[in-house]
Amino acid sequence: MDNLITKLYKSPKTILSTKDLALIWQNSNKESLYNKIAYYVKKGVLIRLTRGVFAKNKDYSPKELATSIYVPSYISFETVLREQGVIFQHYDSIFIASKWPKKIKIGKNIFNFRRLKNIILFNPSGIINENNYSIATVERAFLDMIYLFPDYYFDNLSSINWDKCEDLLKVYNNKELERRLINYKKDYAQ
């Protein structure tokens, strides 16, 4: 069993799904896998955060957890825009693009999932994979935001690369979004 713990801690991930554990432990037997997971949760080696999602310890990455709850998903919207200085308002939630809209609280973290169509969600353009999670570029987050919220107010659009936004428009295949982008760009230029 100690070999299983060693394999677990060799993984760079702070958050592990049941599938991750099956791969790390090379265990395809569901009953055996669930028994091992239950054993390690009981021993305190794993922390059960939500159904099928575990942490190796209490110092896990909230962003990594955010994108592990629903797959596929990526961090976007207000979270990215605030980090990039496009909006100044503080939010306690981490905002995530997903297949399902839902608000979840796990520990001290609040996760706000917003639904995007599969054709958008599954397109990797403007998505960066880093630190074991996926996160939108500022341009992708900006387009996600105006796609769902046409009249959103932004505090500072100076970090937006308008050419990159225009390249990313193909992800959405939406004429109305193209018009919105033109209007935001025109308003920013004034």
Protein backbone atom coordinates (compact mmCIF):
# COMPACT_ATOMS: atom_id res chain seq x y z
CA MET A 1 0.00 0.00 0.00
CA ASP A 2 2.89 2.41 0.72
CA ASN A 3 3.84 2.15 -2.96
CA LEU A 4 0.39 3.57 -3.82
CA ILE A 5 1.01 6.59 -1.57
CA THR A 6 4.41 7.13 -3.20
CA LYS A 7 2.80 7.07 -6.66
CA LEU A 8 0.14 9.48 -5.43
CA TYR A 9 2.66 12.05 -4.19
CA LYS A 10 4.81 11.80 -7.32
CA SER A 11 1.91 13.32 -9.26
CA PRO A 12 2.25 17.12 -9.63
CA LYS A 13 -1.52 17.50 -9.29
CA THR A 14 -2.99 18.80 -6.02
CA ILE A 15 -6.49 17.64 -7.07
CA LEU A 16 -7.21 14.11 -8.24
CA SER A 17 -10.35 12.65 -9.75
CA THR A 18 -11.31 9.00 -9.47
CA LYS A 19 -10.02 8.60 -13.05
CA ASP A 20 -6.68 10.19 -12.10
CA LEU A 21 -6.32 7.78 -9.18
CA ALA A 22 -7.15 4.81 -11.43
CA LEU A 23 -4.38 5.90 -13.84
CA ILE A 24 -1.81 6.65 -11.12
CA TRP A 25 -2.47 3.36 -9.34
CA GLN A 26 -2.95 1.44 -12.60
CA ASN A 27 -6.19 0.00 -11.29
CA SER A 28 -9.04 -0.73 -13.70
CA ASN A 29 -11.11 -2.72 -11.19
CA LYS A 30 -13.78 -0.25 -9.99
CA GLU A 31 -14.60 -2.04 -6.75
CA SER A 32 -10.94 -2.38 -5.78
CA LEU A 33 -10.30 1.27 -6.72
CA TYR A 34 -13.25 2.56 -4.67
CA ASN A 35 -12.15 0.46 -1.69
CA LYS A 36 -8.60 1.88 -1.89
CA ILE A 37 -9.93 5.43 -2.19
CA ALA A 38 -12.25 4.91 0.80
CA TYR A 39 -9.35 3.46 2.80
CA TYR A 40 -7.06 6.43 2.05
CA VAL A 41 -9.82 8.95 2.77
CA LYS A 42 -10.41 7.25 6.13
CA LYS A 43 -6.65 7.32 6.87
CA GLY A 44 -6.45 11.03 5.95
CA VAL A 45 -4.12 10.49 2.99
CA LEU A 46 -6.82 11.83 0.64
CA ILE A 47 -9.39 14.53 1.34
CA ARG A 48 -12.76 14.03 -0.33
CA LEU A 49 -13.84 17.45 -1.65
CA THR A 50 -16.88 16.45 -3.69
CA ARG A 51 -18.09 13.33 -5.44
CA GLY A 52 -15.19 11.79 -7.36
CA VAL A 53 -12.76 14.64 -6.57
CA PHE A 54 -10.02 14.47 -3.94
CA ALA A 55 -7.11 16.55 -2.65
CA LYS A 56 -3.74 15.23 -1.50
CA ASN A 57 -3.74 17.77 1.33
CA LYS A 58 -5.46 20.97 2.49
CA ASP A 59 -3.02 23.16 0.48
CA TYR A 60 -4.64 22.34 -2.85
CA SER A 61 -5.07 24.81 -5.71
CA PRO A 62 -8.64 26.23 -5.83
CA LYS A 63 -8.23 26.85 -9.58
CA GLU A 64 -7.22 23.24 -10.14
CA LEU A 65 -10.26 22.16 -8.12
CA ALA A 66 -12.50 24.48 -10.16
CA THR A 67 -11.64 22.75 -13.42
CA SER A 68 -11.80 19.25 -11.90
CA ILE A 69 -15.43 19.41 -10.79
CA TYR A 70 -16.79 19.37 -14.35
CA VAL A 71 -14.76 18.28 -17.36
CA PRO A 72 -14.31 19.95 -19.76
CA SER A 73 -14.13 23.38 -18.17
CA TYR A 74 -11.79 26.33 -17.96
CA ILE A 75 -11.39 29.41 -15.78
CA SER A 76 -12.72 32.53 -17.50
CA PHE A 77 -15.05 35.52 -17.09
CA GLU A 78 -14.56 37.80 -14.06
CA THR A 79 -11.72 35.71 -12.60
CA VAL A 80 -9.43 36.21 -15.62
CA LEU A 81 -10.63 39.75 -16.33
CA ARG A 82 -9.92 40.89 -12.76
CA GLU A 83 -6.48 39.24 -12.72
CA GLN A 84 -5.66 41.05 -15.98
CA GLY A 85 -6.92 44.44 -14.74
CA VAL A 86 -9.86 44.65 -17.16
CA ILE A 87 -12.35 44.89 -14.30
CA PHE A 88 -11.66 46.20 -10.82
CA GLN A 89 -14.50 44.63 -8.83
CA HIS A 90 -13.56 41.89 -6.39
CA TYR A 91 -15.49 38.62 -6.47
CA ASP A 92 -15.22 35.83 -3.95
CA SER A 93 -16.16 33.27 -6.61
CA ILE A 94 -13.97 31.63 -9.20
CA PHE A 95 -15.83 31.81 -12.53
CA ILE A 96 -15.63 28.82 -14.85
CA ALA A 97 -16.90 28.02 -18.36
CA SER A 98 -18.63 24.65 -18.33
CA LYS A 99 -21.39 22.51 -19.81
CA TRP A 100 -23.66 23.15 -16.81
CA PRO A 101 -24.60 26.33 -14.93
CA LYS A 102 -24.18 25.83 -11.20
CA LYS A 103 -22.86 27.53 -8.07
CA ILE A 104 -20.96 25.30 -5.65
CA LYS A 105 -19.22 25.99 -2.34
CA ILE A 106 -16.43 23.64 -1.30
CA GLY A 107 -14.63 24.58 1.88
CA LYS A 108 -14.02 28.32 1.72
CA ASN A 109 -14.14 28.40 -2.09
CA ILE A 110 -17.14 29.39 -4.20
CA PHE A 111 -17.26 28.15 -7.79
CA ASN A 112 -19.62 29.78 -10.27
CA PHE A 113 -20.04 27.68 -13.42
CA ARG A 114 -21.52 29.29 -16.52
CA ARG A 115 -22.82 27.30 -19.44
CA LEU A 116 -21.30 27.71 -22.87
CA LYS A 117 -22.34 25.74 -25.96
CA ASN A 118 -20.24 22.64 -26.61
CA ILE A 119 -18.90 24.09 -29.87
CA ILE A 120 -17.37 26.95 -27.83
CA LEU A 121 -16.40 24.97 -24.74
CA PHE A 122 -14.55 22.25 -26.66
CA ASN A 123 -12.57 24.70 -28.81
CA PRO A 124 -9.06 25.13 -27.32
CA SER A 125 -8.33 28.47 -29.04
CA GLY A 126 -7.41 31.08 -26.45
CA ILE A 127 -7.17 28.50 -23.64
CA ILE A 128 -3.89 27.96 -21.80
CA ASN A 129 -3.10 24.81 -19.81
CA GLU A 130 -0.94 25.70 -16.83
CA ASN A 131 -0.47 24.52 -13.25
CA ASN A 132 -2.77 21.51 -13.88
CA TYR A 133 -5.76 23.61 -14.94
CA SER A 134 -7.07 25.38 -18.04
CA ILE A 135 -7.54 29.13 -18.12
CA ALA A 136 -8.71 31.56 -20.79
CA THR A 137 -6.48 34.26 -22.20
CA VAL A 138 -7.74 37.76 -21.45
CA GLU A 139 -9.17 38.00 -24.99
CA ARG A 140 -11.04 34.69 -24.70
CA ALA A 141 -12.41 35.68 -21.27
CA PHE A 142 -13.49 39.05 -22.69
CA LEU A 143 -15.33 37.36 -25.57
CA ASP A 144 -16.89 34.78 -23.22
CA MET A 145 -18.16 37.66 -21.11
CA ILE A 146 -19.69 39.71 -23.92
CA TYR A 147 -21.10 36.51 -25.46
CA LEU A 148 -23.16 35.88 -22.30
CA PHE A 149 -23.51 39.48 -21.06
CA PRO A 150 -23.83 41.87 -24.06
CA ASP A 151 -23.82 45.12 -22.04
CA TYR A 152 -21.18 44.30 -19.43
CA TYR A 153 -19.18 47.28 -18.15
CA PHE A 154 -15.39 46.95 -18.26
CA ASP A 155 -13.14 49.29 -16.29
CA ASN A 156 -9.98 49.10 -18.41
CA LEU A 157 -9.74 47.60 -21.90
CA SER A 158 -6.11 48.62 -22.52
CA SER A 159 -4.82 45.04 -22.09
CA ILE A 160 -7.17 43.66 -24.76
CA ASN A 161 -5.48 42.75 -28.04
CA TRP A 162 -8.26 43.50 -30.54
CA ASP A 163 -6.59 41.50 -33.33
CA LYS A 164 -6.53 38.40 -31.11
CA CYS A 165 -10.23 38.98 -30.31
CA GLU A 166 -11.02 39.10 -34.01
CA ASP A 167 -9.11 35.84 -34.56
CA LEU A 168 -11.05 34.19 -31.73
CA LEU A 169 -14.45 35.20 -33.13
CA LYS A 170 -14.49 32.02 -35.25
CA VAL A 171 -14.79 30.00 -32.02
CA TYR A 172 -18.24 31.49 -31.38
CA ASN A 173 -19.57 31.64 -34.97
CA ASN A 174 -21.95 34.40 -33.88
CA LYS A 175 -22.67 37.53 -35.93
CA GLU A 176 -24.16 39.35 -32.93
CA LEU A 177 -20.93 38.80 -30.99
CA GLU A 178 -19.00 40.32 -33.92
CA ARG A 179 -21.19 43.45 -33.68
CA ARG A 180 -20.67 43.63 -29.92
CA LEU A 181 -16.90 43.39 -30.36
CA ILE A 182 -16.93 46.20 -32.95
CA ASN A 183 -18.94 48.39 -30.55
CA TYR A 184 -16.62 47.76 -27.58
CA LYS A 185 -13.58 48.43 -29.76
CA LYS A 186 -15.13 51.64 -31.10
CA ASP A 187 -16.10 52.82 -27.59
CA TYR A 188 -12.58 52.06 -26.29
CA ALA A 189 -10.95 54.02 -29.13
CA GLN A 190 -12.88 57.19 -28.19
